[in-house]
Amino acid sequence: MMPITDFLSCTRVFDEFESLSPAQRHHAKTYATGLVA
C-alpha cells in the first residue's frame, strides 16, 4: 500500500472551520483523502 504523502486540494475546505482544532482539521483531511483514495 502506498502512503498518503499530501492532502488533496478538495480538503482545503476544512481550513475554514474555525470550531475545529488544528489536530481535528488534520484528521479530517487525512480521513477525506483516504476515502477518495
PDB file of N, CA and C in Angstrom:
ATOM      1  N   MET A   1       0.841  -1.175   0.000  1.00  0.00           N
ATOM      2  CA  MET A   1       0.000   0.000   0.000  1.00  0.00           C
ATOM      3  C   MET A   1       0.889   1.242   0.000  1.00  0.00           C
ATOM      4  N   MET A   2       0.529   2.197  -0.834  1.00  0.00           N
ATOM      5  CA  MET A   2       1.299   3.439  -0.912  1.00  0.00           C
ATOM      6  C   MET A   2       0.845   4.393   0.189  1.00  0.00           C
ATOM      7  N   PRO A   3       1.779   5.050   0.854  1.00  0.00           N
ATOM      8  CA  PRO A   3       1.380   6.007   1.895  1.00  0.00           C
ATOM      9  C   PRO A   3       0.854   7.302   1.291  1.00  0.00           C
ATOM     10  N   ILE A   4      -0.038   7.960   1.996  1.00  0.00           N
ATOM     11  CA  ILE A   4      -0.546   9.265   1.577  1.00  0.00           C
ATOM     12  C   ILE A   4       0.467  10.305   2.043  1.00  0.00           C
ATOM     13  N   THR A   5       1.032  11.033   1.111  1.00  0.00           N
ATOM     14  CA  THR A   5       2.079  11.988   1.452  1.00  0.00           C
ATOM     15  C   THR A   5       1.601  13.432   1.401  1.00  0.00           C
ATOM     16  N   ASP A   6       0.448  13.685   0.781  1.00  0.00           N
ATOM     17  CA  ASP A   6      -0.058  15.051   0.668  1.00  0.00           C
ATOM     18  C   ASP A   6      -1.580  15.001   0.642  1.00  0.00           C
ATOM     19  N   PHE A   7      -2.220  16.050   1.141  1.00  0.00           N
ATOM     20  CA  PHE A   7      -3.669  16.105   1.131  1.00  0.00           C
ATOM     21  C   PHE A   7      -4.164  16.542  -0.243  1.00  0.00           C
ATOM     22  N   LEU A   8      -5.368  16.125  -0.582  1.00  0.00           N
ATOM     23  CA  LEU A   8      -5.988  16.554  -1.832  1.00  0.00           C
ATOM     24  C   LEU A   8      -6.410  18.021  -1.720  1.00  0.00           C
ATOM     25  N   SER A   9      -6.504  18.685  -2.849  1.00  0.00           N
ATOM     26  CA  SER A   9      -6.877  20.105  -2.829  1.00  0.00           C
ATOM     27  C   SER A   9      -8.308  20.307  -2.333  1.00  0.00           C
ATOM     28  N   CYS A  10      -9.161  19.310  -2.481  1.00  0.00           N
ATOM     29  CA  CYS A  10     -10.554  19.463  -2.035  1.00  0.00           C
ATOM     30  C   CYS A  10     -10.676  19.492  -0.516  1.00  0.00           C
ATOM     31  N   THR A  11      -9.617  19.170   0.211  1.00  0.00           N
ATOM     32  CA  THR A  11      -9.693  19.188   1.677  1.00  0.00           C
ATOM     33  C   THR A  11      -9.402  20.563   2.257  1.00  0.00           C
ATOM     34  N   ARG A  12      -9.114  21.540   1.425  1.00  0.00           N
ATOM     35  CA  ARG A  12      -8.858  22.898   1.925  1.00  0.00           C
ATOM     36  C   ARG A  12     -10.082  23.496   2.609  1.00  0.00           C
ATOM     37  N   VAL A  13     -11.249  22.953   2.290  1.00  0.00           N
ATOM     38  CA  VAL A  13     -12.478  23.459   2.900  1.00  0.00           C
ATOM     39  C   VAL A  13     -12.448  23.285   4.419  1.00  0.00           C
ATOM     40  N   PHE A  14     -11.725  22.299   4.922  1.00  0.00           N
ATOM     41  CA  PHE A  14     -11.645  22.094   6.368  1.00  0.00           C
ATOM     42  C   PHE A  14     -10.900  23.229   7.066  1.00  0.00           C
ATOM     43  N   ASP A  15     -10.082  23.972   6.353  1.00  0.00           N
ATOM     44  CA  ASP A  15      -9.370  25.107   6.951  1.00  0.00           C
ATOM     45  C   ASP A  15     -10.322  26.239   7.352  1.00  0.00           C
ATOM     46  N   GLU A  16     -11.522  26.253   6.775  1.00  0.00           N
ATOM     47  CA  GLU A  16     -12.488  27.310   7.053  1.00  0.00           C
ATOM     48  C   GLU A  16     -13.283  27.069   8.340  1.00  0.00           C
ATOM     49  N   PHE A  17     -13.202  25.864   8.894  1.00  0.00           N
ATOM     50  CA  PHE A  17     -13.931  25.540  10.120  1.00  0.00           C
ATOM     51  C   PHE A  17     -13.111  25.990  11.327  1.00  0.00           C
ATOM     52  N   GLU A  18     -13.448  27.160  11.846  1.00  0.00           N
ATOM     53  CA  GLU A  18     -12.707  27.703  12.984  1.00  0.00           C
ATOM     54  C   GLU A  18     -13.032  26.968  14.280  1.00  0.00           C
ATOM     55  N   SER A  19     -14.137  26.222  14.298  1.00  0.00           N
ATOM     56  CA  SER A  19     -14.513  25.496  15.507  1.00  0.00           C
ATOM     57  C   SER A  19     -13.672  24.235  15.709  1.00  0.00           C
ATOM     58  N   LEU A  20     -12.941  23.826  14.677  1.00  0.00           N
ATOM     59  CA  LEU A  20     -12.087  22.644  14.784  1.00  0.00           C
ATOM     60  C   LEU A  20     -10.685  23.039  15.220  1.00  0.00           C
ATOM     61  N   SER A  21     -10.096  22.222  16.045  1.00  0.00           N
ATOM     62  CA  SER A  21      -8.704  22.456  16.446  1.00  0.00           C
ATOM     63  C   SER A  21      -7.798  22.056  15.278  1.00  0.00           C
ATOM     64  N   PRO A  22      -6.551  22.492  15.276  1.00  0.00           N
ATOM     65  CA  PRO A  22      -5.635  22.091  14.202  1.00  0.00           C
ATOM     66  C   PRO A  22      -5.504  20.566  14.078  1.00  0.00           C
ATOM     67  N   ALA A  23      -5.507  19.865  15.198  1.00  0.00           N
ATOM     68  CA  ALA A  23      -5.416  18.402  15.147  1.00  0.00           C
ATOM     69  C   ALA A  23      -6.665  17.798  14.506  1.00  0.00           C
ATOM     70  N   GLN A  24      -7.827  18.357  14.818  1.00  0.00           N
ATOM     71  CA  GLN A  24      -9.064  17.855  14.233  1.00  0.00           C
ATOM     72  C   GLN A  24      -9.101  18.115  12.730  1.00  0.00           C
ATOM     73  N   ARG A  25      -8.614  19.285  12.311  1.00  0.00           N
ATOM     74  CA  ARG A  25      -8.551  19.577  10.879  1.00  0.00           C
ATOM     75  C   ARG A  25      -7.635  18.595  10.161  1.00  0.00           C
ATOM     76  N   HIS A  26      -6.495  18.308  10.787  1.00  0.00           N
ATOM     77  CA  HIS A  26      -5.545  17.371  10.188  1.00  0.00           C
ATOM     78  C   HIS A  26      -6.184  15.991  10.023  1.00  0.00           C
ATOM     79  N   HIS A  27      -6.869  15.524  11.046  1.00  0.00           N
ATOM     80  CA  HIS A  27      -7.502  14.207  10.972  1.00  0.00           C
ATOM     81  C   HIS A  27      -8.638  14.198   9.947  1.00  0.00           C
ATOM     82  N   ALA A  28      -9.388  15.286   9.843  1.00  0.00           N
ATOM     83  CA  ALA A  28     -10.462  15.362   8.855  1.00  0.00           C
ATOM     84  C   ALA A  28      -9.894  15.310   7.441  1.00  0.00           C
ATOM     85  N   LYS A  29      -8.782  16.005   7.207  1.00  0.00           N
ATOM     86  CA  LYS A  29      -8.146  15.989   5.890  1.00  0.00           C
ATOM     87  C   LYS A  29      -7.607  14.598   5.561  1.00  0.00           C
ATOM     88  N   THR A  30      -7.011  13.945   6.564  1.00  0.00           N
ATOM     89  CA  THR A  30      -6.495  12.592   6.359  1.00  0.00           C
ATOM     90  C   THR A  30      -7.633  11.632   6.043  1.00  0.00           C
ATOM     91  N   TYR A  31      -8.729  11.734   6.762  1.00  0.00           N
ATOM     92  CA  TYR A  31      -9.880  10.869   6.557  1.00  0.00           C
ATOM     93  C   TYR A  31     -10.484  11.065   5.156  1.00  0.00           C
ATOM     94  N   ALA A  32     -10.697  12.328   4.770  1.00  0.00           N
ATOM     95  CA  ALA A  32     -11.293  12.615   3.468  1.00  0.00           C
ATOM     96  C   ALA A  32     -10.387  12.145   2.326  1.00  0.00           C
ATOM     97  N   THR A  33      -9.073  12.363   2.475  1.00  0.00           N
ATOM     98  CA  THR A  33      -8.137  11.909   1.443  1.00  0.00           C
ATOM     99  C   THR A  33      -8.163  10.397   1.343  1.00  0.00           C
ATOM    100  N   GLY A  34      -8.236   9.719   2.472  1.00  0.00           N
ATOM    101  CA  GLY A  34      -8.294   8.260   2.467  1.00  0.00           C
ATOM    102  C   GLY A  34      -9.562   7.740   1.817  1.00  0.00           C
ATOM    103  N   LEU A  35     -10.693   8.412   2.015  1.00  0.00           N
ATOM    104  CA  LEU A  35     -11.926   7.994   1.378  1.00  0.00           C
ATOM    105  C   LEU A  35     -11.838   8.084  -0.150  1.00  0.00           C
ATOM    106  N   VAL A  36     -11.225   9.150  -0.623  1.00  0.00           N
ATOM    107  CA  VAL A  36     -11.109   9.333  -2.070  1.00  0.00           C
ATOM    108  C   VAL A  36     -10.118   8.336  -2.671  1.00  0.00           C
ATOM    109  N   ALA A  37      -9.038   8.097  -1.933  1.00  0.00           N
ATOM    110  CA  ALA A  37      -8.006   7.191  -2.440  1.00  0.00           C
ATOM    111  C   ALA A  37      -8.538   5.774  -2.463  1.00  0.00           C
TER     112      ALA A  37
END
